[in-house]
Amino acid sequence: MEKNQLKEIKKHGTVNFPCAFYCTESDSKDLIVKHHWHDQLELIYMRQGIFHIEIDMDKYIVNEECICFINSEELHFVKSNHPCKESAIVFDLKMLSFEMFDSIQGSLIQPLLNGELKMPHFIFKKEKYGEEILKEYYEILESYKIGGQISQKPEGNITENLSSQIKIKASLLKILALLYENNLLIKNSDKNKDYRIEYIKTAISYIQNNYSEKIHIKDLAKQINMNEQYFCRFFKKMIGKTPMEYVNEYRIKKTKELLKETNRQVMDICLECGFHNMGNFIKVFKKYTGKSPMKYRKEFDNKKS
């Protein structure tokens, strides 16, 4: 399987400015960001709440204010019970590159792009440089606010304002400078690469590319040359759910997108998302959403109007 098939397809920001700001604040709903990975660098500001984070299978619990850095291609998962407040900046590191190959490009930007350098996973507010990094993060937030109110929608916030874009790039470079001057950038070595992460990425990628077809455990196990029983135990241990639970969750996610974004018949959506029995589809949809597909669509349409 080609490497670029193993990554999140979603675009962050725009073609001209590949940087987006995301925000979640909730007193009633839990936060769940399921296992995924992408090319872009991500900065997550955990402002309030108790967060359970997984990064390349390493598990962390964070209950104080901090910035979490997710490097390119790192498999990650975030969960927090309400109330919680978090926000994130996701951007393409290439947007910080310089046309003229200077010492910054050669010593920092290029090694980060090549994976030779990595950001530290956590910088806490209480650390001496934590306040300075958070100050730049808030500068970025204010730059996005110039275009209007910050939205909590899944598609995130973008800015077309040139002045805002300049300030955002400047603050991202200042964050990079703070990490550098405090010796916080980490030299990466492929020797430490965990084969389990690549196995999970391969299995998840197969699900995402084939969710509309019938998927059997043997199909998934075959992708990483495991026997079926061992694969099921391995997947459950790594992800926290069985392979078929993950398959159904992903199918329901795609179903919800089609129900909200199209006027297609529920039966057509059912078949496209890999459910070959309408009764079973409705049962599984209710299990994950608490309502029927038609009721889900109707409630979404009512919110829009």
Protein backbone atom coordinates (compact mmCIF):
# COMPACT_ATOMS: atom_id res chain seq x y z
CA MET A 1 0.00 0.00 0.00
CA GLU A 2 1.39 3.40 -0.97
CA LYS A 3 2.40 5.64 1.90
CA ASN A 4 0.11 8.51 0.88
CA GLN A 5 -2.94 6.23 1.19
CA LEU A 6 -2.36 6.00 4.93
CA LYS A 7 -3.15 9.62 5.72
CA GLU A 8 -6.14 11.84 6.48
CA ILE A 9 -7.59 13.30 3.27
CA LYS A 10 -9.17 16.36 4.89
CA LYS A 11 -7.76 19.73 3.85
CA HIS A 12 -6.90 22.26 6.56
CA GLY A 13 -7.20 25.91 5.61
CA THR A 14 -7.07 26.97 1.96
CA VAL A 15 -4.76 26.33 -0.99
CA ASN A 16 -3.23 29.79 -0.57
CA PHE A 17 -3.01 29.60 3.21
CA PRO A 18 -3.00 25.96 4.48
CA CYS A 19 -3.66 26.73 8.12
CA ALA A 20 -6.92 26.29 10.03
CA PHE A 21 -8.08 27.00 13.58
CA TYR A 22 -10.45 24.60 15.40
CA CYS A 23 -12.27 25.19 18.67
CA THR A 24 -14.28 23.04 21.07
CA GLU A 25 -15.93 24.30 24.26
CA SER A 26 -18.62 22.20 25.90
CA ASP A 27 -20.27 21.88 29.30
CA SER A 28 -22.52 19.02 28.20
CA LYS A 29 -20.76 16.92 25.54
CA ASP A 30 -17.58 14.85 25.77
CA LEU A 31 -14.75 15.48 23.32
CA ILE A 32 -13.62 12.53 21.21
CA VAL A 33 -11.10 12.86 18.37
CA LYS A 34 -10.68 9.36 16.98
CA HIS A 35 -7.42 7.79 15.88
CA HIS A 36 -6.08 9.49 12.78
CA TRP A 37 -2.92 11.05 11.33
CA HIS A 38 -2.01 13.64 8.73
CA ASP A 39 0.86 15.38 6.96
CA GLN A 40 0.27 18.64 8.78
CA LEU A 41 1.66 19.79 12.11
CA GLU A 42 -0.92 20.31 14.86
CA LEU A 43 -0.86 22.45 17.99
CA ILE A 44 -3.58 21.59 20.52
CA TYR A 45 -4.24 24.01 23.37
CA MET A 46 -5.74 22.08 26.29
CA ARG A 47 -7.21 24.89 28.31
CA GLN A 48 -9.65 23.16 30.68
CA GLY A 49 -10.54 19.57 31.45
CA ILE A 50 -8.92 16.17 31.90
CA PHE A 51 -7.57 14.93 28.57
CA HIS A 52 -6.64 11.38 27.63
CA ILE A 53 -4.21 11.49 24.71
CA GLU A 54 -2.53 8.79 22.67
CA ILE A 55 0.38 9.65 20.37
CA ASP A 56 1.90 6.76 18.43
CA MET A 57 0.54 4.36 21.07
CA ASP A 58 2.02 6.26 24.03
CA LYS A 59 -0.73 7.19 26.49
CA TYR A 60 -0.89 10.42 28.51
CA ILE A 61 -3.32 12.04 30.95
CA VAL A 62 -3.23 15.85 31.03
CA ASN A 63 -5.15 17.84 33.63
CA GLU A 64 -3.42 21.20 33.44
CA GLU A 65 -3.10 23.95 30.87
CA CYS A 66 -0.68 23.06 28.08
CA ILE A 67 0.12 23.01 24.38
CA CYS A 68 0.33 19.56 22.80
CA PHE A 69 2.34 19.24 19.57
CA ILE A 70 1.38 16.50 17.09
CA ASN A 71 4.09 15.95 14.50
CA SER A 72 3.46 14.95 10.90
CA GLU A 73 2.28 11.33 10.48
CA GLU A 74 1.90 10.70 14.21
CA LEU A 75 -1.13 8.54 14.96
CA HIS A 76 -3.14 10.32 17.64
CA PHE A 77 -6.35 10.17 19.68
CA VAL A 78 -7.85 12.68 22.13
CA LYS A 79 -10.68 12.23 24.60
CA SER A 80 -12.01 14.45 27.39
CA ASN A 81 -15.12 14.31 29.53
CA HIS A 82 -17.13 17.52 29.81
CA PRO A 83 -16.71 20.25 30.75
CA CYS A 84 -13.73 20.85 28.51
CA LYS A 85 -12.17 23.65 26.48
CA GLU A 86 -9.63 23.02 23.76
CA SER A 87 -8.59 24.48 20.46
CA ALA A 88 -6.11 23.55 17.75
CA ILE A 89 -4.10 24.98 14.89
CA VAL A 90 -3.41 22.58 12.02
CA PHE A 91 -1.02 23.79 9.33
CA ASP A 92 1.25 22.66 6.54
CA LEU A 93 4.82 23.20 7.69
CA LYS A 94 5.82 24.07 4.11
CA MET A 95 4.03 27.41 4.53
CA LEU A 96 6.91 28.49 6.80
CA SER A 97 9.53 27.67 4.16
CA PHE A 98 11.70 30.36 2.60
CA GLU A 99 12.29 30.79 -1.13
CA MET A 100 15.92 31.63 -0.42
CA PHE A 101 17.60 28.66 1.25
CA ASP A 102 18.95 30.32 4.39
CA SER A 103 20.21 28.92 7.71
CA ILE A 104 16.68 28.77 9.17
CA GLN A 105 15.51 26.68 6.23
CA GLY A 106 18.57 24.41 6.38
CA SER A 107 18.81 23.97 10.15
CA LEU A 108 15.14 23.94 11.20
CA ILE A 109 12.42 23.98 8.53
CA GLN A 110 13.91 21.33 6.24
CA PRO A 111 14.82 18.89 9.06
CA LEU A 112 11.26 19.27 10.42
CA LEU A 113 9.84 18.59 6.95
CA ASN A 114 12.11 15.56 6.54
CA GLY A 115 11.21 14.17 9.96
CA GLU A 116 14.80 14.55 11.20
CA LEU A 117 13.58 16.97 13.88
CA LYS A 118 10.36 16.77 15.88
CA MET A 119 8.42 19.04 18.18
CA PRO A 120 8.14 18.03 21.86
CA HIS A 121 4.75 16.52 22.62
CA PHE A 122 3.86 18.78 25.59
CA ILE A 123 4.71 22.27 26.78
CA PHE A 124 2.94 23.18 30.02
CA LYS A 125 1.92 26.71 30.92
CA LYS A 126 3.80 26.52 34.24
CA GLU A 127 7.14 26.03 32.46
CA LYS A 128 9.30 29.12 32.03
CA TYR A 129 8.77 29.21 28.26
CA GLY A 130 5.16 27.99 28.45
CA GLU A 131 3.72 31.47 28.97
CA GLU A 132 5.68 32.82 25.98
CA ILE A 133 4.47 30.05 23.67
CA LEU A 134 0.89 30.52 24.85
CA LYS A 135 1.19 34.25 24.19
CA GLU A 136 2.00 33.51 20.53
CA TYR A 137 -0.84 31.00 20.39
CA TYR A 138 -3.25 33.71 21.57
CA GLU A 139 -1.84 36.07 18.94
CA ILE A 140 -2.84 33.49 16.32
CA LEU A 141 -6.30 33.18 17.86
CA GLU A 142 -6.75 36.97 17.72
CA SER A 143 -5.69 36.98 14.06
CA TYR A 144 -8.45 34.51 13.22
CA LYS A 145 -10.96 36.62 15.18
CA ILE A 146 -10.36 39.57 12.83
CA GLY A 147 -12.44 37.78 10.21
CA GLY A 148 -15.38 37.37 12.60
CA GLN A 149 -16.56 35.16 15.42
CA ILE A 150 -14.63 31.94 16.07
CA SER A 151 -16.74 28.95 14.99
CA GLN A 152 -16.88 25.51 16.60
CA LYS A 153 -17.86 23.87 13.32
CA PRO A 154 -15.87 20.75 12.26
CA GLU A 155 -14.59 22.42 9.08
CA GLY A 156 -12.68 24.92 11.24
CA ASN A 157 -11.88 28.59 10.81
CA ILE A 158 -9.89 30.09 7.95
CA THR A 159 -8.73 33.62 7.16
CA GLU A 160 -8.31 35.34 3.81
CA ASN A 161 -7.06 38.54 5.46
CA LEU A 162 -3.45 39.09 4.34
CA SER A 163 -2.49 41.01 7.46
CA SER A 164 -3.84 38.17 9.65
CA GLN A 165 -1.94 35.60 7.62
CA ILE A 166 1.33 37.49 8.10
CA LYS A 167 0.76 37.68 11.87
CA ILE A 168 -0.10 33.96 12.06
CA LYS A 169 3.07 32.98 10.18
CA ALA A 170 5.11 35.30 12.38
CA SER A 171 3.71 33.75 15.57
CA LEU A 172 4.31 30.21 14.31
CA LEU A 173 7.93 31.14 13.56
CA LYS A 174 8.24 32.72 17.04
CA ILE A 175 6.98 29.44 18.59
CA LEU A 176 9.61 27.58 16.57
CA ALA A 177 12.28 30.05 17.78
CA LEU A 178 11.24 29.52 21.43
CA LEU A 179 11.46 25.75 21.03
CA TYR A 180 14.88 26.07 19.42
CA GLU A 181 16.42 28.44 21.93
CA ASN A 182 15.24 26.27 24.84
CA ASN A 183 16.67 23.10 23.23
CA LEU A 184 13.22 21.51 23.02
CA LEU A 185 13.35 20.21 19.44
CA ILE A 186 14.00 16.47 19.33
CA LYS A 187 16.31 14.66 16.93
CA ASN A 188 14.38 11.79 15.38
CA SER A 189 15.74 8.31 14.72
CA ASP A 190 14.01 5.65 12.64
CA LYS A 191 15.56 3.08 14.97
CA ASN A 192 12.89 3.98 17.51
CA LYS A 193 10.03 3.48 15.03
CA ASP A 194 7.33 1.22 16.46
CA TYR A 195 6.18 -1.43 13.99
CA ARG A 196 2.80 -1.58 15.78
CA ILE A 197 2.00 1.97 14.64
CA GLU A 198 2.58 1.08 10.99
CA TYR A 199 0.47 -2.07 11.41
CA ILE A 200 -2.43 -0.07 12.85
CA LYS A 201 -2.11 2.59 10.14
CA THR A 202 -2.22 -0.12 7.48
CA ALA A 203 -5.34 -1.73 8.99
CA ILE A 204 -7.14 1.59 9.46
CA SER A 205 -6.23 2.69 5.95
CA TYR A 206 -7.69 -0.54 4.53
CA ILE A 207 -10.95 0.15 6.40
CA GLN A 208 -11.10 3.75 5.16
CA ASN A 209 -10.46 2.70 1.56
CA ASN A 210 -12.88 -0.25 1.56
CA TYR A 211 -15.66 0.65 4.02
CA SER A 212 -18.30 0.53 1.27
CA GLU A 213 -17.52 -3.15 0.59
CA LYS A 214 -17.85 -6.21 2.80
CA ILE A 215 -14.92 -6.35 5.22
CA HIS A 216 -13.99 -9.56 7.00
CA ILE A 217 -11.48 -10.00 9.82
CA LYS A 218 -9.39 -12.19 7.54
CA ASP A 219 -9.11 -9.28 5.05
CA LEU A 220 -7.74 -6.98 7.75
CA ALA A 221 -5.43 -9.59 9.28
CA LYS A 222 -4.02 -10.35 5.83
CA GLN A 223 -2.86 -6.73 5.41
CA ILE A 224 -0.26 -7.19 8.14
CA ASN A 225 0.27 -10.96 7.87
CA MET A 226 -1.32 -11.91 11.19
CA ASN A 227 -3.67 -14.74 12.00
CA GLU A 228 -7.23 -13.60 12.70
CA GLN A 229 -7.36 -14.27 16.45
CA TYR A 230 -4.06 -12.55 17.16
CA PHE A 231 -5.04 -9.60 14.95
CA CYS A 232 -8.30 -9.07 16.87
CA ARG A 233 -6.45 -9.04 20.21
CA PHE A 234 -3.75 -6.78 18.81
CA PHE A 235 -6.24 -4.26 17.34
CA LYS A 236 -8.35 -4.17 20.52
CA LYS A 237 -5.27 -3.60 22.67
CA MET A 238 -3.98 -0.79 20.46
CA ILE A 239 -7.23 1.05 19.62
CA GLY A 240 -9.47 0.06 22.54
CA LYS A 241 -12.22 -1.46 20.39
CA THR A 242 -12.65 -4.49 18.16
CA PRO A 243 -11.91 -4.21 14.43
CA MET A 244 -15.59 -4.53 13.52
CA GLU A 245 -16.57 -1.88 16.07
CA TYR A 246 -14.11 0.45 14.36
CA VAL A 247 -15.49 -0.51 10.92
CA ASN A 248 -19.06 0.25 12.03
CA GLU A 249 -18.04 3.55 13.64
CA TYR A 250 -16.30 4.65 10.47
CA ARG A 251 -19.29 3.64 8.33
CA ILE A 252 -21.64 5.57 10.59
CA LYS A 253 -19.36 8.61 10.37
CA LYS A 254 -19.55 8.51 6.55
CA THR A 255 -23.32 7.93 6.73
CA LYS A 256 -23.81 11.02 8.90
CA GLU A 257 -21.81 13.10 6.43
CA LEU A 258 -23.99 11.97 3.50
CA LEU A 259 -27.22 12.50 5.46
CA LYS A 260 -26.17 16.09 6.22
CA GLU A 261 -24.56 17.02 2.91
CA THR A 262 -26.87 15.33 0.35
CA ASN A 263 -30.54 14.65 -0.31
CA ARG A 264 -29.91 11.07 -1.37
CA GLN A 265 -32.27 8.29 -0.33
CA VAL A 266 -31.43 6.59 2.96
CA MET A 267 -31.31 3.19 1.20
CA ASP A 268 -28.68 4.49 -1.26
CA ILE A 269 -26.59 5.85 1.61
CA CYS A 270 -27.00 2.58 3.50
CA LEU A 271 -25.57 0.59 0.57
CA GLU A 272 -22.78 3.07 -0.23
CA CYS A 273 -21.54 2.96 3.35
CA GLY A 274 -21.20 -0.79 3.45
CA PHE A 275 -24.48 -1.81 5.08
CA HIS A 276 -26.19 -4.42 2.94
CA ASN A 277 -29.25 -4.83 5.15
CA MET A 278 -31.53 -1.86 5.92
CA GLY A 279 -32.73 -3.30 9.23
CA ASN A 280 -29.19 -3.86 10.47
CA PHE A 281 -28.17 -0.40 9.25
CA ILE A 282 -30.93 1.31 11.25
CA LYS A 283 -30.07 -0.77 14.32
CA VAL A 284 -26.36 0.12 14.16
CA PHE A 285 -27.12 3.81 13.40
CA LYS A 286 -29.39 4.04 16.45
CA LYS A 287 -26.72 2.38 18.59
CA TYR A 288 -24.19 5.09 17.75
CA THR A 289 -26.45 8.14 17.49
CA GLY A 290 -29.52 7.31 19.57
CA LYS A 291 -31.89 8.07 16.68
CA SER A 292 -32.95 6.78 13.27
CA PRO A 293 -31.24 8.05 10.08
CA MET A 294 -34.37 9.97 9.02
CA LYS A 295 -34.71 11.64 12.42
CA TYR A 296 -31.00 12.53 12.38
CA ARG A 297 -31.36 14.20 8.97
CA LYS A 298 -34.55 16.00 9.97
CA GLU A 299 -32.99 17.42 13.15
CA PHE A 300 -29.96 18.61 11.18
CA ASP A 301 -32.19 20.29 8.56
CA ASN A 302 -34.17 22.02 11.32
CA LYS A 303 -30.94 23.40 12.83
CA LYS A 304 -29.90 24.81 9.45
CA SER A 305 -33.20 26.60 8.99
